Amino acid sequence: MEQGNNNMEQEIKQAEKQQYQEQVKKITPTHNMFLQMAKAFLVGGVICCIGQFILNYAVNRAGLDKETAGAWCSMLLVLLSVVLTGFNIYPKLVEWGGAGALVPITGFANSVSAPAIEYQKEGQVFGIGCKIFTIAGPVILYGIFTSWVLGVIYWLFR
C-alpha cells in the first residue's frame, strides 16, 4: 500500500515537473544569436559611420585639426544620443540593436541621460541629482578604480 502511494507521489511530481518545464519553454523568449549579432553589427556600424562622417566633415570642410575634430565628433554623438533618448527613440534602438547601440559612447550617454529624464519629476536634487548615475555610476566607479590600480602597478614597476 505504501509503495503504491510512493509511486503515485512520484508520478504526480513527475507530471508537475513536466508541466513546469512546458510552461518555462512557452514563456522563455527565444533568440537567434546570429540575427542578434547582425543587428548589433548594423547598429554599431551605422553609429560609427555617423561618427566618421562628422570627423571627416570637421577635418575636411571645417578645417579643424584631428584632435579638435575628434572632440567635436564625441560631443555631437553624445548630444545626438541624449536628444534621441529624450524622444524615447534611443531605447527602441537599443532594444532592436542590442550591444551595437550600448557599447559606443552613445550608449554611455544614454545610460546617464535616461535616469535623469525619468526622475526629473522628483526635482533637481532628489530626482536628477540622485538618480543620474544609477546606471552609469558603477561603470565610472570601476573604470576610475581600475585605472588607479593600473597606475599604481605601472608606478611600482617603473
N, C-alpha and C. Protein backbone atom coordinates (compact mmCIF):
# COMPACT_ATOMS: atom_id res chain seq x y z
N MET A 1 0.83 -1.19 0.00
CA MET A 1 0.00 0.00 0.00
C MET A 1 0.87 1.25 0.00
N GLU A 2 1.89 1.23 0.89
CA GLU A 2 2.76 2.40 0.98
C GLU A 2 3.55 2.59 -0.31
N GLN A 3 3.96 1.50 -0.96
CA GLN A 3 4.69 1.59 -2.21
C GLN A 3 3.80 2.20 -3.29
N GLY A 4 2.52 1.87 -3.28
CA GLY A 4 1.57 2.45 -4.23
C GLY A 4 1.45 3.95 -4.04
N ASN A 5 1.43 4.41 -2.79
CA ASN A 5 1.38 5.85 -2.51
C ASN A 5 2.66 6.55 -2.98
N ASN A 6 3.82 5.88 -2.74
CA ASN A 6 5.08 6.47 -3.19
C ASN A 6 5.12 6.59 -4.71
N ASN A 7 4.67 5.54 -5.41
CA ASN A 7 4.63 5.58 -6.87
C ASN A 7 3.71 6.70 -7.36
N MET A 8 2.57 6.83 -6.70
CA MET A 8 1.61 7.85 -7.08
C MET A 8 2.19 9.25 -6.84
N GLU A 9 2.87 9.43 -5.72
CA GLU A 9 3.50 10.72 -5.42
C GLU A 9 4.59 11.05 -6.44
N GLN A 10 5.37 10.05 -6.82
CA GLN A 10 6.41 10.25 -7.83
C GLN A 10 5.81 10.61 -9.18
N GLU A 11 4.71 9.97 -9.55
CA GLU A 11 4.04 10.28 -10.82
C GLU A 11 3.50 11.71 -10.79
N ILE A 12 2.94 12.13 -9.67
CA ILE A 12 2.42 13.50 -9.54
C ILE A 12 3.58 14.50 -9.64
N LYS A 13 4.68 14.22 -8.95
CA LYS A 13 5.84 15.10 -9.01
C LYS A 13 6.40 15.18 -10.42
N GLN A 14 6.43 14.03 -11.10
CA GLN A 14 6.93 13.98 -12.48
C GLN A 14 6.02 14.79 -13.40
N ALA A 15 4.71 14.66 -13.21
CA ALA A 15 3.75 15.41 -14.04
C ALA A 15 3.87 16.91 -13.77
N GLU A 16 4.03 17.29 -12.50
CA GLU A 16 4.20 18.71 -12.17
C GLU A 16 5.49 19.26 -12.76
N LYS A 17 6.55 18.45 -12.70
CA LYS A 17 7.83 18.87 -13.26
C LYS A 17 7.72 19.05 -14.77
N GLN A 18 7.05 18.14 -15.43
CA GLN A 18 6.87 18.22 -16.88
C GLN A 18 6.01 19.44 -17.24
N GLN A 19 4.97 19.67 -16.48
CA GLN A 19 4.11 20.83 -16.71
C GLN A 19 4.90 22.13 -16.52
N TYR A 20 5.73 22.16 -15.48
CA TYR A 20 6.56 23.33 -15.23
C TYR A 20 7.53 23.57 -16.39
N GLN A 21 8.18 22.50 -16.86
CA GLN A 21 9.11 22.63 -17.98
C GLN A 21 8.41 23.14 -19.24
N GLU A 22 7.20 22.67 -19.49
CA GLU A 22 6.44 23.15 -20.65
C GLU A 22 6.10 24.63 -20.50
N GLN A 23 5.72 25.05 -19.28
CA GLN A 23 5.40 26.46 -19.03
C GLN A 23 6.64 27.34 -19.22
N VAL A 24 7.79 26.88 -18.72
CA VAL A 24 9.04 27.62 -18.89
C VAL A 24 9.39 27.75 -20.36
N LYS A 25 9.25 26.67 -21.09
CA LYS A 25 9.56 26.68 -22.52
C LYS A 25 8.64 27.64 -23.28
N LYS A 26 7.38 27.71 -22.86
CA LYS A 26 6.41 28.56 -23.53
C LYS A 26 6.69 30.04 -23.31
N ILE A 27 7.09 30.42 -22.09
CA ILE A 27 7.26 31.85 -21.79
C ILE A 27 8.68 32.35 -21.97
N THR A 28 9.66 31.46 -22.11
CA THR A 28 11.04 31.88 -22.31
C THR A 28 11.21 32.39 -23.74
N PRO A 29 11.70 33.63 -23.89
CA PRO A 29 11.90 34.15 -25.24
C PRO A 29 13.04 33.42 -25.93
N THR A 30 12.86 33.19 -27.20
CA THR A 30 13.90 32.54 -27.98
C THR A 30 14.63 33.61 -28.78
N HIS A 31 15.94 33.46 -28.86
CA HIS A 31 16.76 34.43 -29.58
C HIS A 31 17.60 33.71 -30.62
N ASN A 32 17.66 34.31 -31.77
CA ASN A 32 18.54 33.83 -32.81
C ASN A 32 19.85 34.60 -32.66
N MET A 33 20.88 33.92 -32.19
CA MET A 33 22.13 34.59 -31.88
C MET A 33 22.74 35.28 -33.10
N PHE A 34 22.69 34.63 -34.25
CA PHE A 34 23.28 35.22 -35.44
C PHE A 34 22.50 36.45 -35.90
N LEU A 35 21.19 36.44 -35.74
CA LEU A 35 20.39 37.61 -36.08
C LEU A 35 20.70 38.76 -35.12
N GLN A 36 20.81 38.45 -33.82
CA GLN A 36 21.15 39.48 -32.83
C GLN A 36 22.52 40.08 -33.12
N MET A 37 23.49 39.24 -33.49
CA MET A 37 24.83 39.74 -33.81
C MET A 37 24.79 40.62 -35.06
N ALA A 38 24.00 40.23 -36.05
CA ALA A 38 23.89 41.03 -37.27
C ALA A 38 23.26 42.39 -36.98
N LYS A 39 22.23 42.39 -36.14
CA LYS A 39 21.59 43.66 -35.76
C LYS A 39 22.57 44.56 -35.00
N ALA A 40 23.31 43.97 -34.06
CA ALA A 40 24.29 44.74 -33.29
C ALA A 40 25.37 45.30 -34.21
N PHE A 41 25.83 44.49 -35.14
CA PHE A 41 26.84 44.93 -36.10
C PHE A 41 26.31 46.08 -36.95
N LEU A 42 25.08 45.97 -37.40
CA LEU A 42 24.47 47.00 -38.23
C LEU A 42 24.32 48.31 -37.46
N VAL A 43 23.75 48.25 -36.26
CA VAL A 43 23.53 49.47 -35.46
C VAL A 43 24.86 50.10 -35.06
N GLY A 44 25.79 49.30 -34.56
CA GLY A 44 27.10 49.83 -34.20
C GLY A 44 27.82 50.40 -35.40
N GLY A 45 27.69 49.74 -36.55
CA GLY A 45 28.31 50.24 -37.77
C GLY A 45 27.73 51.56 -38.22
N VAL A 46 26.42 51.71 -38.12
CA VAL A 46 25.78 52.98 -38.50
C VAL A 46 26.24 54.10 -37.57
N ILE A 47 26.30 53.82 -36.27
CA ILE A 47 26.77 54.83 -35.32
C ILE A 47 28.22 55.23 -35.65
N CYS A 48 29.05 54.26 -35.93
CA CYS A 48 30.44 54.55 -36.27
C CYS A 48 30.55 55.31 -37.59
N CYS A 49 29.71 54.98 -38.56
CA CYS A 49 29.71 55.71 -39.83
C CYS A 49 29.28 57.17 -39.63
N ILE A 50 28.30 57.39 -38.76
CA ILE A 50 27.89 58.77 -38.45
C ILE A 50 29.06 59.51 -37.80
N GLY A 51 29.74 58.85 -36.88
CA GLY A 51 30.91 59.46 -36.24
C GLY A 51 32.02 59.75 -37.24
N GLN A 52 32.25 58.83 -38.15
CA GLN A 52 33.28 59.05 -39.17
C GLN A 52 32.90 60.19 -40.11
N PHE A 53 31.63 60.30 -40.45
CA PHE A 53 31.15 61.41 -41.28
C PHE A 53 31.40 62.75 -40.57
N ILE A 54 31.06 62.82 -39.28
CA ILE A 54 31.28 64.05 -38.50
C ILE A 54 32.77 64.37 -38.47
N LEU A 55 33.60 63.37 -38.24
CA LEU A 55 35.04 63.57 -38.18
C LEU A 55 35.59 64.07 -39.52
N ASN A 56 35.19 63.41 -40.60
CA ASN A 56 35.65 63.83 -41.93
C ASN A 56 35.18 65.24 -42.26
N TYR A 57 33.95 65.55 -41.93
CA TYR A 57 33.42 66.89 -42.20
C TYR A 57 34.19 67.94 -41.42
N ALA A 58 34.47 67.65 -40.15
CA ALA A 58 35.18 68.61 -39.31
C ALA A 58 36.61 68.84 -39.80
N VAL A 59 37.27 67.81 -40.28
CA VAL A 59 38.65 67.95 -40.75
C VAL A 59 38.69 68.58 -42.14
N ASN A 60 37.89 68.05 -43.07
CA ASN A 60 37.98 68.47 -44.47
C ASN A 60 37.22 69.75 -44.78
N ARG A 61 36.07 69.93 -44.19
CA ARG A 61 35.24 71.10 -44.51
C ARG A 61 35.39 72.24 -43.52
N ALA A 62 35.45 71.91 -42.25
CA ALA A 62 35.54 72.95 -41.23
C ALA A 62 36.98 73.35 -40.94
N GLY A 63 37.95 72.58 -41.42
CA GLY A 63 39.35 72.92 -41.26
C GLY A 63 39.90 72.70 -39.86
N LEU A 64 39.29 71.82 -39.09
CA LEU A 64 39.77 71.55 -37.72
C LEU A 64 40.89 70.52 -37.77
N ASP A 65 41.79 70.56 -36.78
CA ASP A 65 42.80 69.51 -36.69
C ASP A 65 42.11 68.24 -36.17
N LYS A 66 42.81 67.10 -36.29
CA LYS A 66 42.18 65.81 -35.95
C LYS A 66 41.76 65.72 -34.49
N GLU A 67 42.55 66.27 -33.59
CA GLU A 67 42.21 66.19 -32.16
C GLU A 67 40.95 66.99 -31.86
N THR A 68 40.86 68.20 -32.38
CA THR A 68 39.68 69.02 -32.16
C THR A 68 38.46 68.41 -32.85
N ALA A 69 38.68 67.88 -34.05
CA ALA A 69 37.58 67.23 -34.77
C ALA A 69 37.07 66.02 -34.00
N GLY A 70 37.98 65.26 -33.37
CA GLY A 70 37.57 64.12 -32.56
C GLY A 70 36.75 64.53 -31.35
N ALA A 71 37.13 65.65 -30.73
CA ALA A 71 36.36 66.15 -29.60
C ALA A 71 34.96 66.58 -30.05
N TRP A 72 34.88 67.28 -31.17
CA TRP A 72 33.57 67.68 -31.70
C TRP A 72 32.73 66.46 -32.08
N CYS A 73 33.36 65.46 -32.64
CA CYS A 73 32.65 64.24 -33.01
C CYS A 73 32.05 63.58 -31.77
N SER A 74 32.85 63.45 -30.72
CA SER A 74 32.36 62.84 -29.48
C SER A 74 31.21 63.64 -28.89
N MET A 75 31.37 64.96 -28.85
CA MET A 75 30.32 65.81 -28.28
C MET A 75 29.03 65.72 -29.08
N LEU A 76 29.14 65.70 -30.40
CA LEU A 76 27.93 65.63 -31.23
C LEU A 76 27.25 64.28 -31.11
N LEU A 77 28.04 63.20 -31.02
CA LEU A 77 27.43 61.88 -30.84
C LEU A 77 26.73 61.77 -29.49
N VAL A 78 27.33 62.33 -28.45
CA VAL A 78 26.70 62.33 -27.13
C VAL A 78 25.42 63.16 -27.17
N LEU A 79 25.48 64.33 -27.78
CA LEU A 79 24.29 65.19 -27.90
C LEU A 79 23.18 64.47 -28.66
N LEU A 80 23.53 63.84 -29.76
CA LEU A 80 22.53 63.10 -30.55
C LEU A 80 21.91 61.98 -29.73
N SER A 81 22.73 61.27 -28.97
CA SER A 81 22.22 60.18 -28.13
C SER A 81 21.27 60.70 -27.06
N VAL A 82 21.62 61.81 -26.42
CA VAL A 82 20.78 62.36 -25.36
C VAL A 82 19.45 62.86 -25.94
N VAL A 83 19.51 63.52 -27.09
CA VAL A 83 18.28 64.01 -27.73
C VAL A 83 17.39 62.83 -28.12
N LEU A 84 17.98 61.79 -28.71
CA LEU A 84 17.20 60.62 -29.09
C LEU A 84 16.65 59.89 -27.87
N THR A 85 17.38 59.91 -26.76
CA THR A 85 16.88 59.33 -25.51
C THR A 85 15.69 60.13 -25.01
N GLY A 86 15.80 61.45 -25.09
CA GLY A 86 14.70 62.31 -24.64
C GLY A 86 13.42 62.09 -25.42
N PHE A 87 13.55 61.77 -26.70
CA PHE A 87 12.38 61.49 -27.53
C PHE A 87 11.99 60.01 -27.52
N ASN A 88 12.64 59.22 -26.65
CA ASN A 88 12.37 57.78 -26.48
C ASN A 88 12.64 56.98 -27.76
N ILE A 89 13.59 57.45 -28.56
CA ILE A 89 13.98 56.73 -29.78
C ILE A 89 15.17 55.83 -29.50
N TYR A 90 16.14 56.33 -28.74
CA TYR A 90 17.35 55.54 -28.48
C TYR A 90 17.05 54.25 -27.72
N PRO A 91 16.16 54.25 -26.71
CA PRO A 91 15.85 52.97 -26.07
C PRO A 91 15.27 51.93 -27.03
N LYS A 92 14.51 52.38 -28.00
CA LYS A 92 13.97 51.44 -29.00
C LYS A 92 15.10 50.92 -29.89
N LEU A 93 16.06 51.80 -30.19
CA LEU A 93 17.22 51.39 -30.97
C LEU A 93 18.05 50.36 -30.20
N VAL A 94 18.19 50.58 -28.89
CA VAL A 94 18.92 49.63 -28.04
C VAL A 94 18.18 48.29 -27.99
N GLU A 95 16.87 48.35 -27.88
CA GLU A 95 16.07 47.11 -27.84
C GLU A 95 16.26 46.30 -29.12
N TRP A 96 16.33 46.99 -30.25
CA TRP A 96 16.47 46.30 -31.53
C TRP A 96 17.92 45.91 -31.79
N GLY A 97 18.87 46.82 -31.53
CA GLY A 97 20.26 46.60 -31.91
C GLY A 97 21.15 46.07 -30.82
N GLY A 98 20.66 45.99 -29.61
CA GLY A 98 21.43 45.40 -28.51
C GLY A 98 22.75 46.09 -28.26
N ALA A 99 23.81 45.29 -28.16
CA ALA A 99 25.14 45.81 -27.81
C ALA A 99 25.67 46.79 -28.84
N GLY A 100 25.19 46.72 -30.07
CA GLY A 100 25.64 47.66 -31.08
C GLY A 100 25.30 49.08 -30.73
N ALA A 101 24.24 49.29 -29.97
CA ALA A 101 23.86 50.63 -29.55
C ALA A 101 24.34 50.95 -28.14
N LEU A 102 24.70 49.95 -27.36
CA LEU A 102 25.10 50.18 -25.97
C LEU A 102 26.59 50.38 -25.80
N VAL A 103 27.40 49.80 -26.66
CA VAL A 103 28.84 49.82 -26.47
C VAL A 103 29.48 51.17 -26.82
N PRO A 104 29.11 51.82 -27.92
CA PRO A 104 29.79 53.10 -28.23
C PRO A 104 29.50 54.18 -27.19
N ILE A 105 30.11 55.32 -27.36
CA ILE A 105 29.95 56.45 -26.44
C ILE A 105 28.50 56.87 -26.33
N THR A 106 27.73 56.63 -27.38
CA THR A 106 26.31 56.98 -27.37
C THR A 106 25.54 56.16 -26.34
N GLY A 107 25.93 54.92 -26.14
CA GLY A 107 25.28 54.08 -25.14
C GLY A 107 25.55 54.58 -23.73
N PHE A 108 26.77 55.08 -23.49
CA PHE A 108 27.09 55.62 -22.18
C PHE A 108 26.29 56.89 -21.93
N ALA A 109 26.18 57.74 -22.95
CA ALA A 109 25.38 58.96 -22.80
C ALA A 109 23.92 58.62 -22.53
N ASN A 110 23.42 57.58 -23.18
CA ASN A 110 22.05 57.13 -22.94
C ASN A 110 21.88 56.66 -21.51
N SER A 111 22.86 55.93 -20.99
CA SER A 111 22.74 55.40 -19.62
C SER A 111 22.79 56.50 -18.57
N VAL A 112 23.37 57.64 -18.89
CA VAL A 112 23.38 58.76 -17.95
C VAL A 112 22.11 59.58 -18.08
N SER A 113 21.67 59.82 -19.32
CA SER A 113 20.53 60.72 -19.53
C SER A 113 19.18 60.05 -19.24
N ALA A 114 19.06 58.76 -19.45
CA ALA A 114 17.77 58.09 -19.25
C ALA A 114 17.26 58.21 -17.81
N PRO A 115 18.08 57.92 -16.78
CA PRO A 115 17.58 58.12 -15.41
C PRO A 115 17.28 59.58 -15.09
N ALA A 116 18.08 60.49 -15.64
CA ALA A 116 17.83 61.92 -15.39
C ALA A 116 16.47 62.33 -15.94
N ILE A 117 16.15 61.84 -17.12
CA ILE A 117 14.85 62.15 -17.74
C ILE A 117 13.73 61.49 -16.95
N GLU A 118 13.95 60.25 -16.54
CA GLU A 118 12.90 59.50 -15.85
C GLU A 118 12.57 60.11 -14.48
N TYR A 119 13.58 60.59 -13.76
CA TYR A 119 13.36 61.07 -12.40
C TYR A 119 13.30 62.58 -12.28
N GLN A 120 13.16 63.31 -13.38
CA GLN A 120 13.12 64.76 -13.30
C GLN A 120 11.89 65.28 -12.56
N LYS A 121 10.83 64.47 -12.49
CA LYS A 121 9.62 64.88 -11.77
C LYS A 121 9.87 65.02 -10.27
N GLU A 122 10.89 64.33 -9.77
CA GLU A 122 11.18 64.37 -8.34
C GLU A 122 12.05 65.56 -7.94
N GLY A 123 12.40 66.39 -8.90
CA GLY A 123 13.15 67.60 -8.59
C GLY A 123 14.59 67.54 -9.04
N GLN A 124 15.25 68.70 -8.94
CA GLN A 124 16.63 68.81 -9.40
C GLN A 124 17.60 68.02 -8.52
N VAL A 125 17.41 68.08 -7.21
CA VAL A 125 18.37 67.44 -6.31
C VAL A 125 18.03 65.97 -6.08
N PHE A 126 16.81 65.70 -5.60
CA PHE A 126 16.44 64.33 -5.24
C PHE A 126 16.06 63.49 -6.46
N GLY A 127 15.72 64.11 -7.55
CA GLY A 127 15.39 63.38 -8.76
C GLY A 127 16.61 63.21 -9.64
N ILE A 128 16.95 64.28 -10.34
CA ILE A 128 18.05 64.21 -11.30
C ILE A 128 19.38 64.00 -10.59
N GLY A 129 19.64 64.81 -9.57
CA GLY A 129 20.94 64.73 -8.90
C GLY A 129 21.24 63.38 -8.28
N CYS A 130 20.24 62.76 -7.68
CA CYS A 130 20.46 61.47 -7.00
C CYS A 130 20.40 60.28 -7.95
N LYS A 131 19.65 60.38 -9.00
CA LYS A 131 19.41 59.21 -9.85
C LYS A 131 20.20 59.20 -11.15
N ILE A 132 20.90 60.31 -11.49
CA ILE A 132 21.51 60.41 -12.81
C ILE A 132 22.57 59.33 -13.05
N PHE A 133 23.27 58.91 -12.02
CA PHE A 133 24.33 57.93 -12.22
C PHE A 133 23.96 56.53 -11.74
N THR A 134 22.67 56.22 -11.65
CA THR A 134 22.28 54.89 -11.17
C THR A 134 22.77 53.79 -12.10
N ILE A 135 22.78 54.04 -13.39
CA ILE A 135 23.24 53.02 -14.34
C ILE A 135 24.72 53.21 -14.64
N ALA A 136 25.12 54.45 -14.90
CA ALA A 136 26.50 54.72 -15.31
C ALA A 136 27.46 54.80 -14.14
N GLY A 137 26.95 55.00 -12.93
CA GLY A 137 27.81 55.15 -11.76
C GLY A 137 28.77 54.01 -11.54
N PRO A 138 28.29 52.77 -11.55
CA PRO A 138 29.23 51.66 -11.36
C PRO A 138 30.29 51.59 -12.45
N VAL A 139 29.93 51.94 -13.67
CA VAL A 139 30.90 51.93 -14.77
C VAL A 139 31.98 52.96 -14.50
N ILE A 140 31.57 54.16 -14.09
CA ILE A 140 32.54 55.22 -13.78
C ILE A 140 33.40 54.81 -12.59
N LEU A 141 32.77 54.31 -11.54
CA LEU A 141 33.50 53.91 -10.34
C LEU A 141 34.56 52.86 -10.66
N TYR A 142 34.17 51.77 -11.30
CA TYR A 142 35.12 50.70 -11.57
C TYR A 142 36.14 51.10 -12.62
N GLY A 143 35.77 51.98 -13.53
CA GLY A 143 36.74 52.50 -14.50
C GLY A 143 37.82 53.31 -13.82
N ILE A 144 37.42 54.20 -12.92
CA ILE A 144 38.39 55.03 -12.20
C ILE A 144 39.24 54.16 -11.28
N PHE A 145 38.60 53.23 -10.57
CA PHE A 145 39.34 52.38 -9.65
C PHE A 145 40.35 51.51 -10.41
N THR A 146 39.95 50.94 -11.52
CA THR A 146 40.85 50.10 -12.31
C THR A 146 42.02 50.91 -12.85
N SER A 147 41.73 52.12 -13.32
CA SER A 147 42.83 52.95 -13.84
C SER A 147 43.79 53.34 -12.70
N TRP A 148 43.27 53.55 -11.50
CA TRP A 148 44.11 53.87 -10.36
C TRP A 148 45.01 52.67 -10.02
N VAL A 149 44.43 51.48 -9.96
CA VAL A 149 45.21 50.27 -9.65
C VAL A 149 46.29 50.05 -10.71
N LEU A 150 45.92 50.19 -11.98
CA LEU A 150 46.91 50.01 -13.04
C LEU A 150 47.99 51.09 -12.98
N GLY A 151 47.60 52.31 -12.61
CA GLY A 151 48.59 53.38 -12.45
C GLY A 151 49.58 53.07 -11.34
N VAL A 152 49.08 52.56 -10.21
CA VAL A 152 49.96 52.19 -9.10
C VAL A 152 50.90 51.05 -9.54
N ILE A 153 50.37 50.07 -10.23
CA ILE A 153 51.21 48.96 -10.71
C ILE A 153 52.28 49.49 -11.66
N TYR A 154 51.87 50.36 -12.57
CA TYR A 154 52.83 50.96 -13.50
C TYR A 154 53.91 51.73 -12.75
N TRP A 155 53.50 52.51 -11.75
CA TRP A 155 54.43 53.32 -10.97
C TRP A 155 55.42 52.43 -10.21
N LEU A 156 54.93 51.31 -9.64
CA LEU A 156 55.79 50.42 -8.87
C LEU A 156 56.83 49.74 -9.76
N PHE A 157 56.45 49.34 -10.95
CA PHE A 157 57.36 48.60 -11.82
C PHE A 157 58.16 49.49 -12.76
N ARG A 158 57.99 50.79 -12.64
CA ARG A 158 58.72 51.72 -13.49
C ARG A 158 60.02 52.09 -12.94
